[in-house]
Protein backbone atom coordinates (compact mmCIF):
# COMPACT_ATOMS: atom_id res chain seq x y z
CA MET A 1 54.84 23.88 11.55
CA MET A 2 53.18 23.51 14.51
CA ARG A 3 51.59 20.26 15.78
CA ASP A 4 48.08 21.48 15.15
CA GLY A 5 48.78 22.47 12.15
CA ALA A 6 49.79 26.00 12.23
CA GLY A 7 52.77 27.40 10.02
CA VAL A 8 55.31 29.05 11.91
CA MET A 9 56.93 32.15 10.14
CA VAL A 10 60.62 33.41 11.20
CA ARG A 11 61.01 37.62 10.70
CA LEU A 12 62.90 40.64 11.67
CA ALA A 13 61.54 42.12 15.01
CA SER A 14 60.26 45.86 14.68
CA VAL A 15 59.22 48.07 17.02
CA ALA A 16 55.85 46.98 16.58
CA ASP A 17 56.57 44.31 18.02
CA ALA A 18 57.07 45.48 21.47
CA VAL A 19 53.77 44.87 23.05
CA ALA A 20 53.44 41.35 22.00
CA LEU A 21 56.65 40.84 22.83
CA GLN A 22 56.38 41.63 26.69
CA SER A 23 53.43 39.99 26.34
CA CYS A 24 54.87 36.58 25.40
CA PHE A 25 57.60 36.93 27.57
CA ARG A 26 55.18 37.32 30.63
CA ASP A 27 53.32 33.66 29.46
CA LEU A 28 56.76 32.08 29.86
CA SER A 29 57.28 30.08 32.65
CA ILE A 30 58.96 31.48 35.76
CA SER A 31 61.88 28.62 35.12
CA SER A 32 61.80 29.49 31.02
CA ARG A 33 62.22 33.23 31.93
CA TYR A 34 64.96 32.83 34.35
CA ASN A 35 66.94 30.86 31.69
CA ARG A 36 66.47 33.42 29.24
CA LEU A 37 67.33 36.27 31.14
CA MET A 38 69.93 34.47 33.51
CA GLY A 39 68.29 35.83 36.46
CA ALA A 40 64.28 35.80 37.85
CA ALA A 41 62.44 38.73 36.01
CA SER A 42 58.27 38.95 36.00
CA GLU A 43 58.85 40.55 32.63
CA LEU A 44 61.33 41.43 30.22
CA PRO A 45 63.35 44.55 31.74
CA ALA A 46 62.82 47.90 29.42
CA GLU A 47 66.66 47.75 28.14
CA GLN A 48 66.42 44.03 26.59
CA SER A 49 63.02 44.92 24.81
CA GLN A 50 64.55 47.85 23.36
CA LYS A 51 67.65 45.32 22.48
CA ILE A 52 65.25 43.39 20.55
CA ILE A 53 63.05 45.47 18.81
CA HIS A 54 65.75 47.97 17.67
CA SER A 55 68.11 46.18 15.17
CA GLY A 56 71.81 47.84 13.93
CA ARG A 57 75.42 47.55 15.15
CA GLY A 58 75.39 43.79 13.93
CA VAL A 59 72.84 42.94 16.51
CA THR A 60 69.52 41.40 14.72
CA SER A 61 66.27 39.60 16.55
CA VAL A 62 64.26 37.64 14.81
CA LEU A 63 60.53 36.30 15.93
CA ALA A 64 59.04 32.90 15.13
CA VAL A 65 55.11 33.95 14.56
CA THR A 66 52.13 32.40 13.96
CA GLN A 67 48.36 32.64 13.47
CA VAL A 68 46.09 32.37 16.95
CA ASP A 69 42.09 33.08 15.88
CA GLY A 70 43.61 35.61 12.74
CA CYS A 71 45.91 37.20 15.03
CA GLU A 72 49.68 36.80 14.62
CA GLN A 73 51.15 35.66 18.18
CA ILE A 74 54.83 35.54 19.03
CA VAL A 75 55.92 31.97 20.19
CA GLY A 76 59.99 32.55 20.17
CA GLU A 77 62.73 35.15 19.57
CA ALA A 78 66.42 35.14 19.04
CA ARG A 79 69.20 37.65 19.06
CA TYR A 80 72.34 37.32 17.01
CA ALA A 81 75.19 39.24 17.32
CA PHE A 82 77.93 39.24 14.61
CA ASP A 83 81.32 40.18 16.16
CA GLN A 84 83.35 40.74 12.54
CA ASP A 85 86.92 40.37 14.52
CA GLY A 86 86.41 37.24 15.29
CA TRP A 87 83.87 36.20 13.00
CA ARG A 88 81.97 33.99 15.38
CA VAL A 89 77.73 34.94 15.76
CA GLU A 90 76.91 35.18 19.44
CA LEU A 91 73.03 34.08 19.98
CA GLY A 92 69.92 33.50 22.62
CA LEU A 93 66.85 32.40 22.31
CA SER A 94 63.54 31.51 24.21
CA ILE A 95 60.62 29.56 23.14
CA ASP A 96 56.80 29.82 24.26
CA ASP A 97 56.44 27.12 26.38
CA ARG A 98 53.52 25.13 25.11
CA PRO A 99 55.45 24.42 21.54
CA GLN A 100 58.88 24.35 23.29
CA ARG A 101 59.07 20.25 22.42
CA TRP A 102 57.75 21.05 18.85
CA GLU A 103 61.27 21.72 17.14
CA LEU A 104 60.75 25.49 17.15
CA GLY A 105 64.17 25.60 19.00
CA ALA A 106 66.00 23.45 16.42
CA ALA A 107 64.31 25.37 13.59
CA LEU A 108 65.35 28.83 15.22
CA LEU A 109 68.73 27.32 15.53
CA SER A 110 69.07 26.75 12.12
CA ASN A 111 67.69 29.50 10.96
CA LEU A 112 70.54 31.43 12.30
CA GLU A 113 72.97 29.51 11.48
CA GLY A 114 72.15 30.31 7.96
CA ARG A 115 72.19 33.88 8.81
CA ALA A 116 75.62 33.66 10.48
CA ALA A 117 76.91 31.79 7.33
CA ALA A 118 75.52 34.44 5.08
CA LEU A 119 77.60 37.38 7.27
CA GLY A 120 80.46 34.71 6.72
CA ALA A 121 80.68 33.52 10.16
CA ALA A 122 82.93 30.56 10.88
CA GLN A 123 81.44 29.78 14.52
CA LEU A 124 78.33 30.17 16.22
CA PHE A 125 78.06 30.03 19.79
CA GLY A 126 75.82 30.95 23.19
CA ASP A 127 75.96 30.46 26.70
CA THR A 128 73.08 29.06 28.80
CA LEU A 129 72.55 28.11 32.17
CA ARG A 130 73.88 24.36 33.28
CA SER A 131 70.67 23.92 34.88
CA ASN A 132 68.82 24.85 31.11
CA TYR A 133 68.60 21.08 30.27
CA ALA A 134 65.66 21.83 27.44
CA MET A 135 68.27 24.50 25.76
CA LEU A 136 71.52 22.23 26.40
CA ALA A 137 69.22 18.77 24.66
CA VAL A 138 68.39 21.49 21.44
CA ALA A 139 71.93 22.61 21.11
CA ARG A 140 73.49 18.73 21.22
CA LYS A 141 70.80 17.50 19.03
CA ALA A 142 71.55 20.38 16.23
CA GLY A 143 75.22 19.53 16.62
CA PHE A 144 76.78 22.07 19.05
CA ALA A 145 79.46 21.09 21.11
CA LEU A 146 79.17 21.79 24.77
CA ALA A 147 82.25 23.31 27.02
CA ALA A 148 82.26 25.42 30.12
CA THR A 149 81.77 28.74 29.74
CA PRO A 150 85.19 30.83 30.49
CA GLY A 151 84.99 32.64 33.38
CA ASP A 152 81.41 30.88 34.74
CA TRP A 153 80.64 28.16 36.53
CA LYS A 154 77.26 28.01 36.63
CA GLN A 155 76.86 28.59 32.73
CA VAL A 156 77.67 26.10 29.46
CA ARG A 157 78.82 27.54 26.19
CA PHE A 158 77.55 25.52 23.35
CA GLU A 159 79.30 26.21 19.94
CA LYS A 160 79.24 25.00 16.30
CA ARG A 161 81.92 25.64 13.48
CA ILE A 162 80.15 26.77 10.21
CA ASP A 163 81.75 24.98 7.72
CA ALA A 164 78.55 23.86 5.10
CA MET A 165 78.13 26.61 2.31
CA PRO A 166 76.34 29.22 2.96
CA GLN A 167 73.65 28.32 0.05
CA ALA A 168 72.75 25.51 1.87
CA LEU A 169 71.71 26.78 5.05
CA PRO A 170 67.74 28.14 5.42
CA GLY A 171 68.25 31.64 5.78
CA ALA A 172 71.61 32.23 4.04
CA SER A 173 70.38 33.01 0.52
CA LEU A 174 68.41 35.82 1.49
CA ARG A 175 71.16 37.58 2.23
CA MET A 176 73.10 36.86 -0.27
CA ALA A 177 71.18 37.21 -2.81
CA GLY A 178 70.74 40.68 -1.36
CA ARG A 179 74.30 41.36 -2.32
CA GLY A 180 73.50 40.00 -5.59
CA GLU A 181 75.77 36.55 -4.72
CA VAL A 182 73.51 34.25 -5.50
CA ALA A 183 69.93 34.08 -8.08
CA MET A 184 66.70 33.46 -6.21
CA ALA A 185 64.54 31.65 -7.64
CA HIS A 186 61.21 32.96 -9.38
């Protein structure tokens, strides 16, 4: 829930989200856009937009959305890619500048952790710029360890081993229920 009492829902991204996603990205501060893409950009590059709205081949994107004046508004996005060979999930996320301090980043990380557990991953990780203090703080608070990113002195890798039972993590139960592994509450 956001500070103004509005609820936030996390859902899969779709092709229908392309315009709203671009609008959300344009509304980010210059530093937030730079942190998300690890480079300068005034708008979300078409290639990145296509990757976000078209899931598949082990890569999925989720959006954090809320209602503003009766219309859905994107306030965060996250992408994750499952590497079956290494049983790891790589992630990236961005949060609208206004709710950055409202625990939305932590909630998205928790959601991704549940999704990673449901996939059977043993580790969740991402890379961010050393200057992205907000992301580093969120990752640290969520229990991620910080280390140098191999081969890139400008980045920091945050990683977390997934030891919890998938049923205990948000987002994990839906995937498991879809495979018939757990019963859904009615």
